[in-house]
Protein backbone atom coordinates (compact mmCIF):
# COMPACT_ATOMS: atom_id res chain seq x y z
CA UNK A 1 0.17 -0.24 0.02
CA UNK A 2 1.45 3.49 -0.67
CA UNK A 3 1.07 5.27 2.11
CA UNK A 4 3.32 7.98 2.13
CA UNK A 5 3.20 8.93 -1.92
CA UNK A 6 0.22 9.72 -2.85
CA UNK A 7 -0.64 12.42 0.02
CA UNK A 8 3.14 13.71 -0.35
CA UNK A 9 3.11 14.08 -4.18
CA UNK A 10 -0.90 15.44 -3.82
CA UNK A 11 0.81 17.77 -1.09
CA UNK A 12 3.68 19.34 -3.08
CA UNK A 13 1.87 19.16 -6.47
CA UNK A 14 -0.39 21.82 -4.48
CA UNK A 15 2.19 23.90 -3.12
CA UNK A 16 4.29 24.07 -6.35
CA UNK A 17 1.67 25.25 -8.56
CA UNK A 18 0.82 28.25 -6.32
CA UNK A 19 4.18 29.16 -7.52
CA UNK A 20 5.08 27.49 -11.12
CA UNK A 21 2.20 27.48 -14.05
CA UNK A 22 2.35 25.34 -16.62
CA UNK A 23 5.30 22.68 -16.31
CA UNK A 24 3.41 19.44 -14.79
CA UNK A 25 4.83 16.96 -16.88
CA UNK A 26 8.31 18.38 -16.39
CA UNK A 27 7.06 18.50 -12.67
CA UNK A 28 6.21 14.98 -12.72
CA UNK A 29 9.88 13.42 -14.02
CA UNK A 30 11.83 15.68 -11.57
CA UNK A 31 9.39 13.96 -8.72
CA UNK A 32 10.27 10.76 -10.31
CA UNK A 33 14.07 11.23 -10.17
CA UNK A 34 13.58 12.51 -6.54
CA UNK A 35 11.24 9.33 -5.27
CA UNK A 36 13.84 6.62 -7.39
CA UNK A 37 17.18 8.49 -6.05
CA UNK A 38 18.39 9.73 -8.94
CA UNK A 39 19.91 12.99 -10.72
CA UNK A 40 18.30 14.79 -13.53
CA UNK A 41 19.94 17.20 -16.36
CA UNK A 42 17.23 19.82 -16.92
CA UNK A 43 17.54 21.46 -20.29
CA UNK A 44 15.47 24.85 -21.29
CA UNK A 45 15.72 28.08 -22.42
CA UNK A 46 16.28 30.67 -19.79
CA UNK A 47 13.10 32.03 -17.94
CA UNK A 48 11.26 28.56 -17.91
CA UNK A 49 11.44 28.38 -14.25
CA UNK A 50 13.94 25.50 -14.20
CA UNK A 51 15.37 27.38 -11.16
CA UNK A 52 12.06 28.55 -9.55
CA UNK A 53 11.00 24.80 -9.65
CA UNK A 54 13.65 23.06 -8.06
CA UNK A 55 13.95 25.99 -5.07
CA UNK A 56 10.45 25.72 -4.68
CA UNK A 57 10.31 22.05 -4.26
CA UNK A 58 13.27 22.31 -1.50
CA UNK A 59 10.93 24.10 0.36
CA UNK A 60 8.08 22.39 0.16
CA UNK A 61 9.72 19.41 1.38
CA UNK A 62 12.05 20.71 4.07
CA UNK A 63 15.27 20.12 2.45
CA UNK A 64 18.25 22.32 2.34
CA UNK A 65 18.67 23.90 -1.09
CA UNK A 66 22.17 24.79 -2.95
CA UNK A 67 22.91 26.35 -6.22
CA UNK A 68 26.14 26.73 -7.86
CA UNK A 69 26.32 29.10 -11.04
CA UNK A 70 29.17 26.97 -13.41
CA UNK A 71 31.69 28.94 -15.01
CA UNK A 72 35.26 28.29 -16.80
CA UNK A 73 37.14 29.23 -13.64
CA UNK A 74 35.23 27.00 -11.32
CA UNK A 75 37.65 24.78 -9.86
CA UNK A 76 36.88 21.39 -8.14
CA UNK A 77 37.85 22.71 -4.37
CA UNK A 78 35.28 25.32 -4.85
CA UNK A 79 32.75 22.59 -4.99
CA UNK A 80 33.45 20.23 -2.58
CA UNK A 81 35.09 22.53 -0.04
CA UNK A 82 38.43 22.87 1.50
CA UNK A 83 40.99 22.26 4.79
CA UNK A 84 41.79 25.77 5.80
CA UNK A 85 44.71 26.01 8.54
CA UNK A 86 43.73 27.53 11.82
CA UNK A 87 46.23 29.86 13.69
CA UNK A 88 44.24 29.84 16.67
CA UNK A 89 43.94 26.14 17.08
CA UNK A 90 47.03 24.94 14.97
CA UNK A 91 45.18 22.79 13.29
CA UNK A 92 43.01 22.35 9.33
CA UNK A 93 39.65 22.56 9.79
CA UNK A 94 37.38 21.96 7.00
CA UNK A 95 35.60 24.41 5.21
CA UNK A 96 32.38 22.38 3.70
CA UNK A 97 31.59 23.23 -0.07
CA UNK A 98 27.83 23.87 -1.61
CA UNK A 99 27.82 20.35 -2.48
CA UNK A 100 27.11 19.89 1.46
CA UNK A 101 23.35 20.30 0.85
CA UNK A 102 20.27 18.04 0.10
CA UNK A 103 18.93 19.70 -2.93
CA UNK A 104 21.64 21.16 -5.62
CA UNK A 105 21.17 23.25 -8.53
CA UNK A 106 24.11 23.07 -10.57
CA UNK A 107 23.27 26.09 -13.11
CA UNK A 108 25.11 25.59 -16.34
CA UNK A 109 26.95 22.58 -15.68
CA UNK A 110 28.47 22.43 -19.44
CA UNK A 111 30.51 26.07 -18.75
CA UNK A 112 32.88 24.45 -16.64
CA UNK A 113 35.82 22.07 -17.51
CA UNK A 114 35.84 18.59 -17.70
CA UNK A 115 37.57 18.43 -14.21
CA UNK A 116 35.17 20.07 -12.01
CA UNK A 117 32.02 18.55 -13.47
CA UNK A 118 33.96 15.24 -12.62
CA UNK A 119 34.23 16.39 -9.22
CA UNK A 120 30.60 16.98 -9.23
CA UNK A 121 29.31 13.64 -11.06
CA UNK A 122 31.86 11.72 -8.59
CA UNK A 123 29.94 13.07 -5.81
CA UNK A 124 26.28 12.73 -7.67
CA UNK A 125 27.39 8.63 -8.18
CA UNK A 126 29.41 7.43 -4.36
CA UNK A 127 27.13 10.59 -2.82
CA UNK A 128 30.25 11.14 -0.98
CA UNK A 129 33.65 13.41 -1.48
CA UNK A 130 37.03 12.79 -0.42
CA UNK A 131 38.87 16.01 0.51
CA UNK A 132 42.59 15.46 1.11
CA UNK A 133 42.18 12.05 1.61
CA UNK A 134 39.60 12.08 3.83
CA UNK A 135 36.31 10.83 2.95
CA UNK A 136 32.72 12.81 3.84
CA UNK A 137 29.59 11.58 3.25
CA UNK A 138 26.41 13.92 1.82
CA UNK A 139 22.78 13.70 3.07
CA UNK A 140 21.05 10.65 2.31
CA UNK A 141 18.65 13.19 0.21
CA UNK A 142 21.14 14.44 -1.55
CA UNK A 143 20.10 14.92 -5.61
CA UNK A 144 21.74 16.92 -7.92
CA UNK A 145 19.18 19.10 -10.52
CA UNK A 146 22.10 20.24 -13.11
CA UNK A 147 20.93 22.89 -15.92
CA UNK A 148 22.11 23.26 -19.55
CA UNK A 149 21.01 25.84 -22.04
CA UNK A 150 20.35 24.31 -25.23
CA UNK A 151 20.46 27.32 -27.40
CA UNK A 152 24.39 28.83 -26.35
CA UNK A 153 27.14 26.59 -27.07
CA UNK A 154 30.21 29.07 -27.40
CA UNK A 155 32.19 28.89 -24.38
CA UNK A 156 30.89 25.73 -23.27
CA UNK A 157 32.34 21.96 -22.46
CA UNK A 158 29.28 19.32 -23.15
CA UNK A 159 29.09 16.39 -21.44
CA UNK A 160 31.20 13.10 -22.32
CA UNK A 161 28.71 10.30 -22.70
CA UNK A 162 30.12 8.55 -19.92
CA UNK A 163 29.02 11.15 -17.82
CA UNK A 164 25.99 11.79 -19.10
CA UNK A 165 25.20 8.40 -18.00
CA UNK A 166 25.01 9.01 -14.46
CA UNK A 167 22.04 10.64 -14.60
CA UNK A 168 18.58 9.34 -14.37
CA UNK A 169 16.40 11.30 -16.85
CA UNK A 170 16.99 14.46 -19.03
CA UNK A 171 13.92 16.74 -18.56
CA UNK A 172 12.94 19.22 -21.15
CA UNK A 173 11.34 22.21 -19.89
CA UNK A 174 9.69 23.91 -22.76
CA UNK A 175 7.68 26.73 -23.86
CA UNK A 176 4.13 27.12 -21.43
CA UNK A 177 1.05 26.98 -23.42
CA UNK A 178 -1.00 30.57 -24.12
CA UNK A 179 -3.52 29.75 -21.44
CA UNK A 180 -0.25 28.72 -18.50
CA UNK A 181 1.81 32.12 -19.90
CA UNK A 182 -1.17 34.60 -19.70
CA UNK A 183 -1.71 32.67 -15.71
CA UNK A 184 1.97 33.82 -14.96
CA UNK A 185 1.44 37.50 -16.01
CA UNK A 186 -1.93 37.23 -13.97
CA UNK A 187 0.20 36.47 -11.25
CA UNK A 188 3.24 38.85 -11.44
CA UNK A 189 0.37 41.80 -11.88
CA UNK A 190 -1.56 40.48 -8.78
CA UNK A 191 1.52 40.68 -7.00
CA UNK A 192 3.50 37.68 -6.87
CA UNK A 193 7.69 37.92 -6.97
CA UNK A 194 9.51 34.57 -7.37
CA UNK A 195 12.37 36.72 -5.69
CA UNK A 196 10.03 37.37 -2.98
CA UNK A 197 9.25 33.52 -2.06
CA UNK A 198 9.05 33.87 1.46
CA UNK A 199 5.81 36.21 0.83
CA UNK A 200 4.21 33.10 -0.31
CA UNK A 201 2.16 30.81 1.62
CA UNK A 202 3.73 27.49 1.19
CA UNK A 203 3.34 25.05 3.54
CA UNK A 204 6.23 22.21 4.04
CA UNK A 205 5.08 18.53 4.16
CA UNK A 206 4.35 17.45 7.95
CA UNK A 207 6.72 15.16 8.09
CA UNK A 208 10.06 15.87 7.25
CA UNK A 209 11.38 12.08 6.72
CA UNK A 210 8.36 11.93 4.17
CA UNK A 211 10.40 11.59 1.21
CA UNK A 212 12.50 8.79 2.76
CA UNK A 213 9.95 6.74 3.02
CA UNK A 214 8.44 7.37 -0.41
CA UNK A 215 12.04 5.79 -1.72
CA UNK A 216 11.36 3.25 0.61
CA UNK A 217 8.10 2.53 -0.89
CA UNK A 218 9.04 3.03 -4.61
CA UNK A 219 12.24 0.53 -4.16
CA UNK A 220 9.95 -2.35 -2.19
CA UNK A 221 7.46 -2.14 -5.46
CA UNK A 222 7.60 -5.24 -7.12
CA UNK A 223 7.55 -5.36 -11.53
CA UNK A 224 5.90 -7.85 -13.22
CA UNK A 225 8.37 -10.15 -15.26
CA UNK A 226 6.79 -9.32 -18.58
CA UNK A 227 7.23 -5.71 -18.21
CA UNK A 228 10.70 -6.18 -17.20
CA UNK A 229 11.20 -8.20 -20.35
CA UNK A 230 9.83 -4.86 -21.99
CA UNK A 231 12.33 -2.88 -20.88
CA UNK A 232 15.57 -5.00 -21.77
CA UNK A 233 13.70 -4.68 -24.75
CA UNK A 234 13.44 -1.62 -25.36
CA UNK A 235 16.89 -1.02 -24.69
CA UNK A 236 18.80 -3.29 -26.40
CA UNK A 237 16.92 -2.28 -29.32
CA UNK A 238 18.35 1.11 -29.00
CA UNK A 239 22.11 -0.65 -29.72
CA UNK A 240 20.61 -2.06 -32.94
CA UNK A 241 18.85 1.15 -34.47
CA UNK A 242 20.45 1.90 -37.64
CA UNK A 243 20.79 5.46 -36.55
CA UNK A 244 22.19 4.87 -34.10
CA UNK A 245 25.84 4.70 -33.15
CA UNK A 246 26.23 3.55 -29.80
CA UNK A 247 22.86 2.59 -27.84
CA UNK A 248 21.88 2.35 -23.96
CA UNK A 249 24.21 0.70 -21.89
CA UNK A 250 22.43 -2.14 -19.30
CA UNK A 251 22.68 0.62 -16.60
CA UNK A 252 19.59 2.31 -18.47
CA UNK A 253 17.94 -1.00 -18.23
CA UNK A 254 18.02 -0.40 -14.74
CA UNK A 255 17.45 3.42 -14.52
CA UNK A 256 14.18 2.47 -17.04
CA UNK A 257 12.79 0.28 -14.28
CA UNK A 258 13.77 2.09 -11.36
CA UNK A 259 11.89 4.87 -12.90
CA UNK A 260 8.70 3.12 -14.23
CA UNK A 261 8.36 2.32 -11.22
CA UNK A 262 8.64 5.54 -9.33
CA UNK A 263 5.72 6.69 -12.45
CA UNK A 264 3.31 4.04 -11.38
CA UNK A 265 3.87 5.10 -7.91
CA UNK A 266 3.44 8.60 -8.52
CA UNK A 267 0.24 7.81 -10.15
CA UNK A 268 -1.15 5.99 -7.15
CA UNK A 269 -0.54 2.37 -8.15
CA UNK A 270 1.42 -0.61 -6.55
CA UNK A 271 2.13 -2.24 -9.91
CA UNK A 272 3.95 -1.28 -13.17
CA UNK A 273 2.45 -1.10 -16.22
CA UNK A 274 3.94 -1.08 -19.97
CA UNK A 275 2.32 2.45 -20.23
CA UNK A 276 4.45 3.78 -17.27
CA UNK A 277 7.75 2.49 -19.03
CA UNK A 278 6.55 3.58 -22.29
CA UNK A 279 5.85 7.44 -20.57
CA UNK A 280 9.31 7.37 -18.94
CA UNK A 281 11.44 6.23 -21.79
CA UNK A 282 12.30 9.26 -23.31
CA UNK A 283 13.47 10.94 -20.71
CA UNK A 284 15.70 7.98 -19.59
CA UNK A 285 17.40 7.53 -23.00
CA UNK A 286 17.48 10.69 -24.64
CA UNK A 287 20.37 11.50 -23.59
CA UNK A 288 21.71 8.42 -23.72
CA UNK A 289 22.12 7.80 -27.56
CA UNK A 290 24.85 9.06 -29.50
CA UNK A 291 23.53 8.90 -33.27
CA UNK A 292 25.33 8.58 -36.55
CA UNK A 293 26.70 11.67 -38.29
CA UNK A 294 24.62 10.64 -41.34
CA UNK A 295 21.52 10.18 -39.21
CA UNK A 296 22.18 13.57 -37.88
CA UNK A 297 22.32 15.28 -40.80
CA UNK A 298 18.95 13.47 -42.23
CA UNK A 299 17.19 15.05 -39.24
CA UNK A 300 16.87 12.30 -36.72
CA UNK A 301 16.46 13.29 -33.10
CA UNK A 302 17.15 11.15 -30.10
CA UNK A 303 13.28 11.21 -28.95
CA UNK A 304 12.35 10.01 -32.55
CA UNK A 305 14.76 7.36 -32.37
CA UNK A 306 12.75 6.37 -28.80
CA UNK A 307 9.41 6.98 -30.44
CA UNK A 308 10.25 4.48 -33.53
CA UNK A 309 11.74 1.79 -30.95
CA UNK A 310 8.72 2.41 -28.97
CA UNK A 311 6.52 1.42 -31.78
CA UNK A 312 8.18 -1.48 -32.82
CA UNK A 313 8.77 -3.64 -29.52
CA UNK A 314 5.83 -5.75 -28.69
CA UNK A 315 3.75 -4.73 -25.44
CA UNK A 316 2.93 -7.18 -22.85
CA UNK A 317 0.13 -8.70 -22.26
């Protein structure tokens, strides 16, 4: 029985909609990543409420929030922290970096060199950092939501495929509909200001560990063998598609399974259906495919390839 997920999701969505308008699909995927204990890469043009969504969500779930603006001169120690010599005690004291938080917004992650990117991605995988030979554990709730701008590539360092694979999902923030954008304008005209969230009546979750309970419920859910086979079949088809140079790895099969379970729980079910797998397949796989150059010249995109694979894969009864 989903004792925590249903009530927690309902509360989060109710409070988020007081601030964010017209991004329900993207918000659902962020919650999928949160409950599946994964990290997400968020892509969208400036001004589509990426930062606002993450900041508001952290307030609702009672999580610590940190933000790093990635720049070309950012060093790994600027993220993880460093030991500083204390003259008064003649000893070194750890000055923790912004990575020591619950929800970390890594803004424009592709604007920093690979060495600094790697420092963050290592912490994402291990949920710990090593500073001067000492291991420092991160928060159990530690979640990275990294953003990148899809329209500016000058002066950027694109994430290598092996590092992209560490992100559970790649979420696209699109322009809102006309009705949603009109509502945004109306809210600002009525006095709303995204820079003053403390003036908005945002109610945090009643239980501080509600998200951890939700993660446990998602983890304990089971998936029928037929649906498991469907997950593996979809991922394996990416490796033989004529437009794909490198397909998704077995890590992608695990990611698709976990995200399908999380999405099913968000929708109020204890069991996963093929519809859950199909609906979350694009965010799980779109950043894990490398297309052939000739396919890209012909206009192929990862989402189009995934859609073709979903149409060809046999759906279990």
